[in-house]
Amino acid sequence: MTQFNEIQQIKRDFFALRNGVITDTLRKAGSPYKIIFGLNIPQIKEIAQRLGIRNDLAVSLWNNQSTRESMLLAPMLYAPTQFSREMAITWIDESPSTECLDILCHSLLRHTPYAFNLAINLANDTDSPLRRYAGYRILWHYINTNPDDIYSIAKQELSRPQSVASNPARQIIDEIDFLKSYD
């Protein structure tokens, strides 16, 4: 009987759940990953729930940057209270796609103790549209508690040349405008 290490077993799980239609769609859309199994987010979350919080495994999966599902699973396995601000910046900078940034921000970064301050700093980063994108994705979760500050930061984004960060900034502005219309 062949024994598999934990990463190999996870990849076998990915393979068992693979979806060719999603894989083809992602490839045609220009997904940067060499290996795409085509799992959807609920399937990846199911695997994460089975594995539990495992910082060491999360780092190993994150370092497997050729595989889409490995990078999407990794943030779901890391304990937010143990994820340093420095690691947050590193993982943001290493993210190969906005999909990866979305999962990183939603599954991990917004739950860290420094999330709001990190998001403000990222959203004001003048050099990196992807850092700003991540900042707005985290700030989305603070719309109800800090709408005025977040609104003014998002407005600044719209005064910059169009970038990947423009869409989440516009979404934030639209949502805050919508919420204010009910005040």
N, C-alpha and C. Protein backbone atom coordinates (compact mmCIF):
# COMPACT_ATOMS: atom_id res chain seq x y z
N MET A 1 0.84 -1.18 0.00
CA MET A 1 0.00 0.00 0.00
C MET A 1 0.88 1.24 0.00
N THR A 2 0.56 2.18 -0.84
CA THR A 2 1.33 3.40 -0.96
C THR A 2 0.91 4.39 0.11
N GLN A 3 1.91 4.98 0.77
CA GLN A 3 1.66 6.01 1.77
C GLN A 3 1.88 7.38 1.12
N PHE A 4 1.00 8.30 1.43
CA PHE A 4 1.12 9.66 0.90
C PHE A 4 1.35 10.62 2.05
N ASN A 5 2.19 11.64 1.82
CA ASN A 5 2.32 12.66 2.85
C ASN A 5 1.07 13.54 2.81
N GLU A 6 0.95 14.44 3.76
CA GLU A 6 -0.29 15.20 3.90
C GLU A 6 -0.58 16.09 2.69
N ILE A 7 0.42 16.71 2.14
CA ILE A 7 0.22 17.55 0.95
C ILE A 7 -0.24 16.69 -0.22
N GLN A 8 0.38 15.54 -0.39
CA GLN A 8 -0.04 14.65 -1.47
C GLN A 8 -1.49 14.20 -1.28
N GLN A 9 -1.89 13.94 -0.04
CA GLN A 9 -3.26 13.52 0.21
C GLN A 9 -4.24 14.65 -0.09
N ILE A 10 -3.87 15.86 0.26
CA ILE A 10 -4.72 17.01 -0.06
C ILE A 10 -4.86 17.16 -1.57
N LYS A 11 -3.76 16.99 -2.29
CA LYS A 11 -3.80 17.08 -3.75
C LYS A 11 -4.67 15.96 -4.33
N ARG A 12 -4.65 14.79 -3.71
CA ARG A 12 -5.54 13.71 -4.15
C ARG A 12 -6.99 14.10 -3.93
N ASP A 13 -7.26 14.79 -2.82
CA ASP A 13 -8.62 15.29 -2.56
C ASP A 13 -9.02 16.31 -3.63
N PHE A 14 -8.10 17.20 -3.97
CA PHE A 14 -8.36 18.17 -5.04
C PHE A 14 -8.69 17.43 -6.34
N PHE A 15 -7.89 16.44 -6.64
CA PHE A 15 -8.06 15.69 -7.88
C PHE A 15 -9.43 15.00 -7.92
N ALA A 16 -9.84 14.44 -6.79
CA ALA A 16 -11.13 13.74 -6.73
C ALA A 16 -12.30 14.70 -6.95
N LEU A 17 -12.11 15.97 -6.61
CA LEU A 17 -13.19 16.96 -6.74
C LEU A 17 -13.03 17.84 -7.98
N ARG A 18 -12.07 17.56 -8.81
CA ARG A 18 -11.75 18.43 -9.94
C ARG A 18 -12.97 18.68 -10.83
N ASN A 19 -12.94 19.86 -11.46
CA ASN A 19 -14.03 20.27 -12.33
C ASN A 19 -13.42 20.87 -13.58
N GLY A 20 -13.51 20.14 -14.68
CA GLY A 20 -12.91 20.57 -15.93
C GLY A 20 -13.49 21.85 -16.50
N VAL A 21 -14.78 22.06 -16.29
CA VAL A 21 -15.42 23.27 -16.81
C VAL A 21 -14.84 24.51 -16.13
N ILE A 22 -14.73 24.46 -14.81
CA ILE A 22 -14.15 25.59 -14.08
C ILE A 22 -12.69 25.77 -14.46
N THR A 23 -11.96 24.67 -14.57
CA THR A 23 -10.55 24.73 -14.96
C THR A 23 -10.40 25.42 -16.31
N ASP A 24 -11.18 24.98 -17.29
CA ASP A 24 -11.09 25.58 -18.63
C ASP A 24 -11.46 27.06 -18.61
N THR A 25 -12.49 27.40 -17.85
CA THR A 25 -12.92 28.80 -17.76
C THR A 25 -11.81 29.66 -17.16
N LEU A 26 -11.20 29.18 -16.07
CA LEU A 26 -10.12 29.94 -15.43
C LEU A 26 -8.91 30.08 -16.35
N ARG A 27 -8.56 29.02 -17.05
CA ARG A 27 -7.43 29.10 -17.98
C ARG A 27 -7.70 30.10 -19.10
N LYS A 28 -8.91 30.05 -19.67
CA LYS A 28 -9.26 30.98 -20.75
C LYS A 28 -9.28 32.43 -20.26
N ALA A 29 -9.59 32.62 -18.98
CA ALA A 29 -9.61 33.96 -18.41
C ALA A 29 -8.22 34.45 -18.02
N GLY A 30 -7.21 33.61 -18.20
CA GLY A 30 -5.83 34.03 -17.93
C GLY A 30 -5.35 33.75 -16.53
N SER A 31 -5.94 32.79 -15.84
CA SER A 31 -5.50 32.46 -14.49
C SER A 31 -4.01 32.12 -14.50
N PRO A 32 -3.25 32.65 -13.54
CA PRO A 32 -1.80 32.54 -13.59
C PRO A 32 -1.23 31.20 -13.08
N TYR A 33 -2.07 30.30 -12.63
CA TYR A 33 -1.58 29.07 -12.01
C TYR A 33 -1.24 28.01 -13.05
N LYS A 34 -0.18 27.26 -12.79
CA LYS A 34 0.21 26.16 -13.65
C LYS A 34 -0.77 24.99 -13.48
N ILE A 35 -1.21 24.75 -12.23
CA ILE A 35 -2.11 23.64 -11.94
C ILE A 35 -3.42 24.21 -11.38
N ILE A 36 -4.52 23.87 -12.04
CA ILE A 36 -5.85 24.28 -11.60
C ILE A 36 -6.74 23.04 -11.59
N PHE A 37 -7.25 22.70 -10.42
CA PHE A 37 -8.15 21.55 -10.32
C PHE A 37 -9.60 21.96 -10.57
N GLY A 38 -9.91 23.22 -10.41
CA GLY A 38 -11.25 23.71 -10.69
C GLY A 38 -12.23 23.55 -9.54
N LEU A 39 -11.72 23.46 -8.31
CA LEU A 39 -12.63 23.38 -7.17
C LEU A 39 -13.29 24.73 -6.95
N ASN A 40 -14.53 24.70 -6.44
CA ASN A 40 -15.18 25.95 -6.09
C ASN A 40 -14.89 26.25 -4.62
N ILE A 41 -15.19 27.45 -4.20
CA ILE A 41 -14.84 27.89 -2.83
C ILE A 41 -15.52 27.03 -1.76
N PRO A 42 -16.80 26.68 -1.87
CA PRO A 42 -17.38 25.80 -0.84
C PRO A 42 -16.66 24.45 -0.70
N GLN A 43 -16.18 23.91 -1.79
CA GLN A 43 -15.42 22.65 -1.71
C GLN A 43 -14.10 22.87 -0.96
N ILE A 44 -13.44 23.98 -1.24
CA ILE A 44 -12.18 24.28 -0.56
C ILE A 44 -12.43 24.52 0.93
N LYS A 45 -13.52 25.22 1.25
CA LYS A 45 -13.87 25.45 2.66
C LYS A 45 -14.14 24.13 3.38
N GLU A 46 -14.77 23.21 2.70
CA GLU A 46 -15.05 21.90 3.29
C GLU A 46 -13.75 21.18 3.65
N ILE A 47 -12.78 21.23 2.77
CA ILE A 47 -11.48 20.63 3.04
C ILE A 47 -10.83 21.34 4.23
N ALA A 48 -10.92 22.67 4.26
CA ALA A 48 -10.34 23.45 5.36
C ALA A 48 -10.96 23.07 6.69
N GLN A 49 -12.26 22.90 6.72
CA GLN A 49 -12.94 22.52 7.97
C GLN A 49 -12.47 21.15 8.44
N ARG A 50 -12.26 20.26 7.52
CA ARG A 50 -11.78 18.92 7.88
C ARG A 50 -10.36 18.97 8.44
N LEU A 51 -9.53 19.82 7.88
CA LEU A 51 -8.12 19.91 8.30
C LEU A 51 -7.96 20.71 9.59
N GLY A 52 -8.79 21.74 9.79
CA GLY A 52 -8.68 22.58 10.98
C GLY A 52 -7.54 23.59 10.85
N ILE A 53 -7.34 24.33 11.93
CA ILE A 53 -6.28 25.35 11.96
C ILE A 53 -4.94 24.64 12.05
N ARG A 54 -4.10 24.91 11.07
CA ARG A 54 -2.78 24.27 11.00
C ARG A 54 -1.81 25.23 10.33
N ASN A 55 -1.17 26.06 11.11
CA ASN A 55 -0.28 27.08 10.57
C ASN A 55 0.83 26.49 9.69
N ASP A 56 1.44 25.42 10.14
CA ASP A 56 2.54 24.81 9.38
C ASP A 56 2.05 24.31 8.02
N LEU A 57 0.90 23.68 8.02
CA LEU A 57 0.33 23.18 6.76
C LEU A 57 -0.06 24.36 5.86
N ALA A 58 -0.60 25.42 6.45
CA ALA A 58 -0.97 26.61 5.67
C ALA A 58 0.25 27.18 4.95
N VAL A 59 1.36 27.28 5.64
CA VAL A 59 2.59 27.81 5.02
C VAL A 59 3.05 26.89 3.89
N SER A 60 3.02 25.60 4.11
CA SER A 60 3.42 24.66 3.06
C SER A 60 2.53 24.79 1.83
N LEU A 61 1.24 24.89 2.05
CA LEU A 61 0.31 25.04 0.92
C LEU A 61 0.52 26.37 0.21
N TRP A 62 0.74 27.44 0.98
CA TRP A 62 0.97 28.75 0.38
C TRP A 62 2.22 28.73 -0.50
N ASN A 63 3.23 28.02 -0.05
CA ASN A 63 4.48 27.96 -0.81
C ASN A 63 4.35 27.14 -2.09
N ASN A 64 3.26 26.41 -2.24
CA ASN A 64 2.98 25.67 -3.46
C ASN A 64 2.24 26.60 -4.43
N GLN A 65 2.93 27.63 -4.88
CA GLN A 65 2.32 28.71 -5.63
C GLN A 65 1.94 28.34 -7.06
N SER A 66 2.28 27.15 -7.49
CA SER A 66 1.88 26.73 -8.83
C SER A 66 0.46 26.19 -8.86
N THR A 67 -0.12 25.90 -7.69
CA THR A 67 -1.43 25.27 -7.63
C THR A 67 -2.47 26.20 -7.03
N ARG A 68 -3.49 26.52 -7.79
CA ARG A 68 -4.55 27.45 -7.37
C ARG A 68 -5.18 27.03 -6.05
N GLU A 69 -5.62 25.82 -5.96
CA GLU A 69 -6.36 25.38 -4.77
C GLU A 69 -5.48 25.36 -3.53
N SER A 70 -4.20 25.12 -3.66
CA SER A 70 -3.29 25.18 -2.50
C SER A 70 -3.25 26.59 -1.94
N MET A 71 -3.14 27.57 -2.84
CA MET A 71 -3.05 28.96 -2.39
C MET A 71 -4.37 29.47 -1.82
N LEU A 72 -5.49 28.95 -2.31
CA LEU A 72 -6.78 29.37 -1.78
C LEU A 72 -7.09 28.70 -0.45
N LEU A 73 -6.60 27.50 -0.25
CA LEU A 73 -6.82 26.77 0.99
C LEU A 73 -5.96 27.32 2.13
N ALA A 74 -4.75 27.72 1.84
CA ALA A 74 -3.79 28.14 2.87
C ALA A 74 -4.35 29.18 3.85
N PRO A 75 -4.94 30.29 3.38
CA PRO A 75 -5.43 31.29 4.35
C PRO A 75 -6.55 30.77 5.26
N MET A 76 -7.22 29.73 4.82
CA MET A 76 -8.32 29.16 5.62
C MET A 76 -7.80 28.31 6.78
N LEU A 77 -6.52 27.98 6.75
CA LEU A 77 -5.93 27.09 7.76
C LEU A 77 -5.07 27.81 8.79
N TYR A 78 -4.81 29.10 8.58
CA TYR A 78 -3.90 29.83 9.48
C TYR A 78 -4.70 30.52 10.59
N ALA A 79 -4.22 30.43 11.81
CA ALA A 79 -4.86 31.09 12.94
C ALA A 79 -4.65 32.60 12.83
N PRO A 80 -5.72 33.39 12.74
CA PRO A 80 -5.57 34.85 12.57
C PRO A 80 -4.77 35.53 13.68
N THR A 81 -4.90 35.06 14.91
CA THR A 81 -4.18 35.69 16.02
C THR A 81 -2.69 35.41 15.97
N GLN A 82 -2.28 34.44 15.17
CA GLN A 82 -0.86 34.09 15.07
C GLN A 82 -0.24 34.53 13.75
N PHE A 83 -1.02 35.17 12.92
CA PHE A 83 -0.55 35.61 11.61
C PHE A 83 0.00 37.03 11.75
N SER A 84 1.29 37.18 11.59
CA SER A 84 1.93 38.48 11.81
C SER A 84 1.61 39.47 10.69
N ARG A 85 1.75 40.72 11.02
CA ARG A 85 1.54 41.79 10.04
C ARG A 85 2.55 41.65 8.90
N GLU A 86 3.77 41.27 9.22
CA GLU A 86 4.81 41.10 8.20
C GLU A 86 4.42 39.98 7.24
N MET A 87 3.89 38.87 7.79
CA MET A 87 3.44 37.78 6.92
C MET A 87 2.28 38.24 6.05
N ALA A 88 1.42 39.06 6.60
CA ALA A 88 0.28 39.57 5.83
C ALA A 88 0.77 40.32 4.59
N ILE A 89 1.73 41.20 4.78
CA ILE A 89 2.28 41.96 3.65
C ILE A 89 2.94 41.02 2.65
N THR A 90 3.70 40.06 3.15
CA THR A 90 4.37 39.10 2.26
C THR A 90 3.35 38.32 1.44
N TRP A 91 2.32 37.80 2.10
CA TRP A 91 1.32 37.01 1.37
C TRP A 91 0.54 37.87 0.38
N ILE A 92 0.26 39.11 0.74
CA ILE A 92 -0.41 40.00 -0.21
C ILE A 92 0.47 40.19 -1.44
N ASP A 93 1.75 40.48 -1.21
CA ASP A 93 2.67 40.71 -2.32
C ASP A 93 2.90 39.46 -3.17
N GLU A 94 2.77 38.29 -2.57
CA GLU A 94 2.97 37.04 -3.29
C GLU A 94 1.71 36.53 -3.99
N SER A 95 0.57 37.14 -3.70
CA SER A 95 -0.68 36.68 -4.29
C SER A 95 -0.66 36.86 -5.80
N PRO A 96 -0.89 35.78 -6.54
CA PRO A 96 -0.81 35.87 -8.00
C PRO A 96 -2.09 36.35 -8.69
N SER A 97 -3.17 36.51 -7.92
CA SER A 97 -4.44 36.89 -8.55
C SER A 97 -5.33 37.62 -7.55
N THR A 98 -6.30 38.34 -8.08
CA THR A 98 -7.27 38.99 -7.20
C THR A 98 -8.13 37.95 -6.49
N GLU A 99 -8.37 36.82 -7.12
CA GLU A 99 -9.12 35.74 -6.45
C GLU A 99 -8.39 35.30 -5.19
N CYS A 100 -7.10 35.14 -5.30
CA CYS A 100 -6.28 34.75 -4.15
C CYS A 100 -6.33 35.84 -3.08
N LEU A 101 -6.24 37.09 -3.48
CA LEU A 101 -6.33 38.20 -2.52
C LEU A 101 -7.69 38.23 -1.84
N ASP A 102 -8.74 37.98 -2.61
CA ASP A 102 -10.09 37.97 -2.02
C ASP A 102 -10.18 36.93 -0.90
N ILE A 103 -9.70 35.73 -1.16
CA ILE A 103 -9.76 34.66 -0.16
C ILE A 103 -8.85 34.99 1.02
N LEU A 104 -7.66 35.49 0.75
CA LEU A 104 -6.74 35.87 1.81
C LEU A 104 -7.37 36.92 2.72
N CYS A 105 -7.96 37.94 2.13
CA CYS A 105 -8.56 39.02 2.93
C CYS A 105 -9.79 38.54 3.69
N HIS A 106 -10.65 37.79 3.02
CA HIS A 106 -11.91 37.37 3.64
C HIS A 106 -11.72 36.26 4.67
N SER A 107 -10.87 35.31 4.38
CA SER A 107 -10.72 34.16 5.27
C SER A 107 -9.74 34.38 6.41
N LEU A 108 -8.79 35.28 6.22
CA LEU A 108 -7.74 35.43 7.23
C LEU A 108 -7.53 36.87 7.68
N LEU A 109 -7.17 37.75 6.79
CA LEU A 109 -6.70 39.08 7.20
C LEU A 109 -7.75 39.89 7.94
N ARG A 110 -9.00 39.81 7.57
CA ARG A 110 -10.02 40.61 8.26
C ARG A 110 -10.23 40.16 9.70
N HIS A 111 -9.74 38.97 10.04
CA HIS A 111 -9.90 38.43 11.40
C HIS A 111 -8.68 38.68 12.29
N THR A 112 -7.64 39.27 11.73
CA THR A 112 -6.44 39.53 12.52
C THR A 112 -6.68 40.71 13.46
N PRO A 113 -5.93 40.78 14.56
CA PRO A 113 -6.14 41.89 15.51
C PRO A 113 -5.79 43.26 14.94
N TYR A 114 -5.01 43.30 13.91
CA TYR A 114 -4.54 44.56 13.31
C TYR A 114 -5.23 44.86 11.98
N ALA A 115 -6.32 44.17 11.68
CA ALA A 115 -6.95 44.23 10.35
C ALA A 115 -7.28 45.64 9.89
N PHE A 116 -7.96 46.42 10.73
CA PHE A 116 -8.40 47.74 10.29
C PHE A 116 -7.21 48.65 9.98
N ASN A 117 -6.22 48.69 10.86
CA ASN A 117 -5.04 49.55 10.62
C ASN A 117 -4.26 49.08 9.39
N LEU A 118 -4.15 47.76 9.23
CA LEU A 118 -3.48 47.24 8.04
C LEU A 118 -4.23 47.67 6.79
N ALA A 119 -5.54 47.55 6.81
CA ALA A 119 -6.35 47.90 5.64
C ALA A 119 -6.20 49.38 5.29
N ILE A 120 -6.19 50.24 6.28
CA ILE A 120 -6.01 51.68 6.03
C ILE A 120 -4.65 51.92 5.37
N ASN A 121 -3.61 51.30 5.92
CA ASN A 121 -2.27 51.47 5.34
C ASN A 121 -2.20 50.94 3.92
N LEU A 122 -2.80 49.78 3.68
CA LEU A 122 -2.78 49.20 2.34
C LEU A 122 -3.55 50.08 1.35
N ALA A 123 -4.71 50.55 1.75
CA ALA A 123 -5.53 51.36 0.86
C ALA A 123 -4.86 52.68 0.50
N ASN A 124 -3.93 53.13 1.32
CA ASN A 124 -3.20 54.37 1.05
C ASN A 124 -1.84 54.14 0.39
N ASP A 125 -1.51 52.90 0.06
CA ASP A 125 -0.23 52.59 -0.57
C ASP A 125 -0.23 53.16 -1.99
N THR A 126 0.63 54.11 -2.25
CA THR A 126 0.64 54.77 -3.56
C THR A 126 1.38 53.97 -4.63
N ASP A 127 2.14 52.96 -4.23
CA ASP A 127 2.96 52.22 -5.19
C ASP A 127 2.33 50.94 -5.71
N SER A 128 1.39 50.35 -4.98
CA SER A 128 0.91 49.03 -5.35
C SER A 128 -0.61 48.97 -5.45
N PRO A 129 -1.15 48.89 -6.66
CA PRO A 129 -2.60 48.74 -6.81
C PRO A 129 -3.13 47.44 -6.16
N LEU A 130 -2.33 46.38 -6.15
CA LEU A 130 -2.78 45.14 -5.52
C LEU A 130 -2.84 45.27 -4.00
N ARG A 131 -1.93 46.01 -3.42
CA ARG A 131 -2.02 46.26 -1.97
C ARG A 131 -3.27 47.10 -1.67
N ARG A 132 -3.52 48.09 -2.51
CA ARG A 132 -4.73 48.89 -2.31
C ARG A 132 -5.97 48.02 -2.47
N TYR A 133 -5.97 47.16 -3.45
CA TYR A 133 -7.08 46.23 -3.65
C TYR A 133 -7.34 45.43 -2.37
N ALA A 134 -6.28 44.86 -1.81
CA ALA A 134 -6.41 44.09 -0.57
C ALA A 134 -6.94 44.98 0.56
N GLY A 135 -6.45 46.20 0.64
CA GLY A 135 -6.93 47.11 1.67
C GLY A 135 -8.42 47.35 1.57
N TYR A 136 -8.93 47.58 0.36
CA TYR A 136 -10.37 47.80 0.19
C TYR A 136 -11.17 46.55 0.47
N ARG A 137 -10.62 45.39 0.16
CA ARG A 137 -11.34 44.14 0.46
C ARG A 137 -11.48 43.95 1.97
N ILE A 138 -10.48 44.35 2.72
CA ILE A 138 -10.58 44.26 4.18
C ILE A 138 -11.50 45.36 4.70
N LEU A 139 -11.36 46.57 4.18
CA LEU A 139 -12.17 47.69 4.65
C LEU A 139 -13.66 47.46 4.46
N TRP A 140 -14.03 46.67 3.47
CA TRP A 140 -15.44 46.36 3.23
C TRP A 140 -16.12 45.90 4.53
N HIS A 141 -15.40 45.16 5.34
CA HIS A 141 -15.95 44.60 6.56
C HIS A 141 -16.10 45.63 7.68
N TYR A 142 -15.64 46.85 7.44
CA TYR A 142 -15.73 47.92 8.43
C TYR A 142 -16.66 49.06 7.99
N ILE A 143 -17.39 48.85 6.93
CA ILE A 143 -18.26 49.90 6.41
C ILE A 143 -19.25 50.39 7.46
N ASN A 144 -19.79 49.50 8.24
CA ASN A 144 -20.80 49.90 9.23
C ASN A 144 -20.21 50.63 10.43
N THR A 145 -18.94 50.39 10.72
CA THR A 145 -18.36 51.00 11.92
C THR A 145 -17.55 52.26 11.62
N ASN A 146 -17.01 52.39 10.41
CA ASN A 146 -16.17 53.55 10.06
C ASN A 146 -16.52 54.08 8.67
N PRO A 147 -17.79 54.34 8.38
CA PRO A 147 -18.14 54.69 6.99
C PRO A 147 -17.50 55.96 6.47
N ASP A 148 -17.39 57.00 7.29
CA ASP A 148 -16.87 58.28 6.80
C ASP A 148 -15.39 58.20 6.42
N ASP A 149 -14.59 57.57 7.29
CA ASP A 149 -13.16 57.42 7.00
C ASP A 149 -12.95 56.56 5.74
N ILE A 150 -13.67 55.47 5.67
CA ILE A 150 -13.52 54.54 4.54
C ILE A 150 -13.99 55.21 3.24
N TYR A 151 -15.06 55.96 3.32
CA TYR A 151 -15.60 56.66 2.14
C TYR A 151 -14.56 57.61 1.56
N SER A 152 -13.91 58.39 2.42
CA SER A 152 -12.94 59.36 1.91
C SER A 152 -11.71 58.67 1.31
N ILE A 153 -11.30 57.56 1.89
CA ILE A 153 -10.17 56.82 1.34
C ILE A 153 -10.53 56.23 -0.02
N ALA A 154 -11.73 55.67 -0.12
CA ALA A 154 -12.18 55.09 -1.39
C ALA A 154 -12.32 56.17 -2.47
N LYS A 155 -12.77 57.34 -2.09
CA LYS A 155 -12.88 58.45 -3.05
C LYS A 155 -11.51 58.82 -3.63
N GLN A 156 -10.48 58.76 -2.77
CA GLN A 156 -9.12 59.04 -3.24
C GLN A 156 -8.72 58.06 -4.35
N GLU A 157 -9.13 56.80 -4.18
CA GLU A 157 -8.78 55.79 -5.18
C GLU A 157 -9.36 56.16 -6.54
N LEU A 158 -10.56 56.68 -6.55
CA LEU A 158 -11.21 57.01 -7.82
C LEU A 158 -10.56 58.20 -8.51
N SER A 159 -9.76 58.97 -7.77
CA SER A 159 -9.05 60.09 -8.38
C SER A 159 -7.72 59.64 -9.01
N ARG A 160 -7.31 58.41 -8.72
CA ARG A 160 -6.08 57.86 -9.30
C ARG A 160 -6.40 57.28 -10.68
N PRO A 161 -5.37 57.01 -11.49
CA PRO A 161 -5.62 56.33 -12.76
C PRO A 161 -6.29 54.97 -12.50
N GLN A 162 -7.12 54.54 -13.42
CA GLN A 162 -7.83 53.27 -13.27
C GLN A 162 -6.85 52.16 -12.92
N SER A 163 -7.21 51.35 -11.94
CA SER A 163 -6.39 50.22 -11.55
C SER A 163 -7.31 49.12 -11.03
N VAL A 164 -6.72 48.01 -10.70
CA VAL A 164 -7.47 46.89 -10.14
C VAL A 164 -8.17 47.28 -8.83
N ALA A 165 -7.66 48.28 -8.16
CA ALA A 165 -8.24 48.73 -6.89
C ALA A 165 -9.45 49.63 -7.08
N SER A 166 -9.68 50.09 -8.28
CA SER A 166 -10.81 50.99 -8.54
C SER A 166 -12.15 50.31 -8.30
N ASN A 167 -12.28 49.05 -8.71
CA ASN A 167 -13.56 48.36 -8.55
C ASN A 167 -13.98 48.20 -7.09
N PRO A 168 -13.11 47.68 -6.22
CA PRO A 168 -13.57 47.57 -4.82
C PRO A 168 -13.79 48.93 -4.17
N ALA A 169 -13.04 49.94 -4.58
CA ALA A 169 -13.27 51.28 -4.03
C ALA A 169 -14.65 51.79 -4.45
N ARG A 170 -15.00 51.58 -5.71
CA ARG A 170 -16.31 51.99 -6.22
C ARG A 170 -17.42 51.23 -5.48
N GLN A 171 -17.22 49.93 -5.24
CA GLN A 171 -18.22 49.13 -4.52
C GLN A 171 -18.43 49.66 -3.11
N ILE A 172 -17.36 50.04 -2.46
CA ILE A 172 -17.46 50.60 -1.10
C ILE A 172 -18.25 51.91 -1.12
N ILE A 173 -17.93 52.78 -2.04
CA ILE A 173 -18.63 54.06 -2.15
C ILE A 173 -20.12 53.82 -2.41
N ASP A 174 -20.42 52.93 -3.34
CA ASP A 174 -21.82 52.64 -3.64
C ASP A 174 -22.56 52.07 -2.43
N GLU A 175 -21.91 51.19 -1.70
CA GLU A 175 -22.55 50.58 -0.53
C GLU A 175 -22.78 51.62 0.57
N ILE A 176 -21.81 52.47 0.83
CA ILE A 176 -21.98 53.49 1.86
C ILE A 176 -23.07 54.48 1.44
N ASP A 177 -23.09 54.87 0.16
CA ASP A 177 -24.17 55.74 -0.33
C ASP A 177 -25.54 55.08 -0.14
N PHE A 178 -25.61 53.81 -0.43
CA PHE A 178 -26.86 53.05 -0.26
C PHE A 178 -27.28 53.03 1.22
N LEU A 179 -26.33 52.73 2.11
CA LEU A 179 -26.65 52.68 3.54
C LEU A 179 -27.07 54.05 4.07
N LYS A 180 -26.43 55.10 3.59
CA LYS A 180 -26.78 56.46 4.04
C LYS A 180 -28.16 56.86 3.55
N SER A 181 -28.59 56.30 2.45
CA SER A 181 -29.91 56.66 1.93
C SER A 181 -31.02 56.14 2.83
N TYR A 182 -30.70 55.23 3.73
CA TYR A 182 -31.68 54.68 4.66
C TYR A 182 -31.56 55.28 6.06
N ASP A 183 -30.65 56.21 6.25
CA ASP A 183 -30.50 56.85 7.57
C ASP A 183 -31.60 57.85 7.83
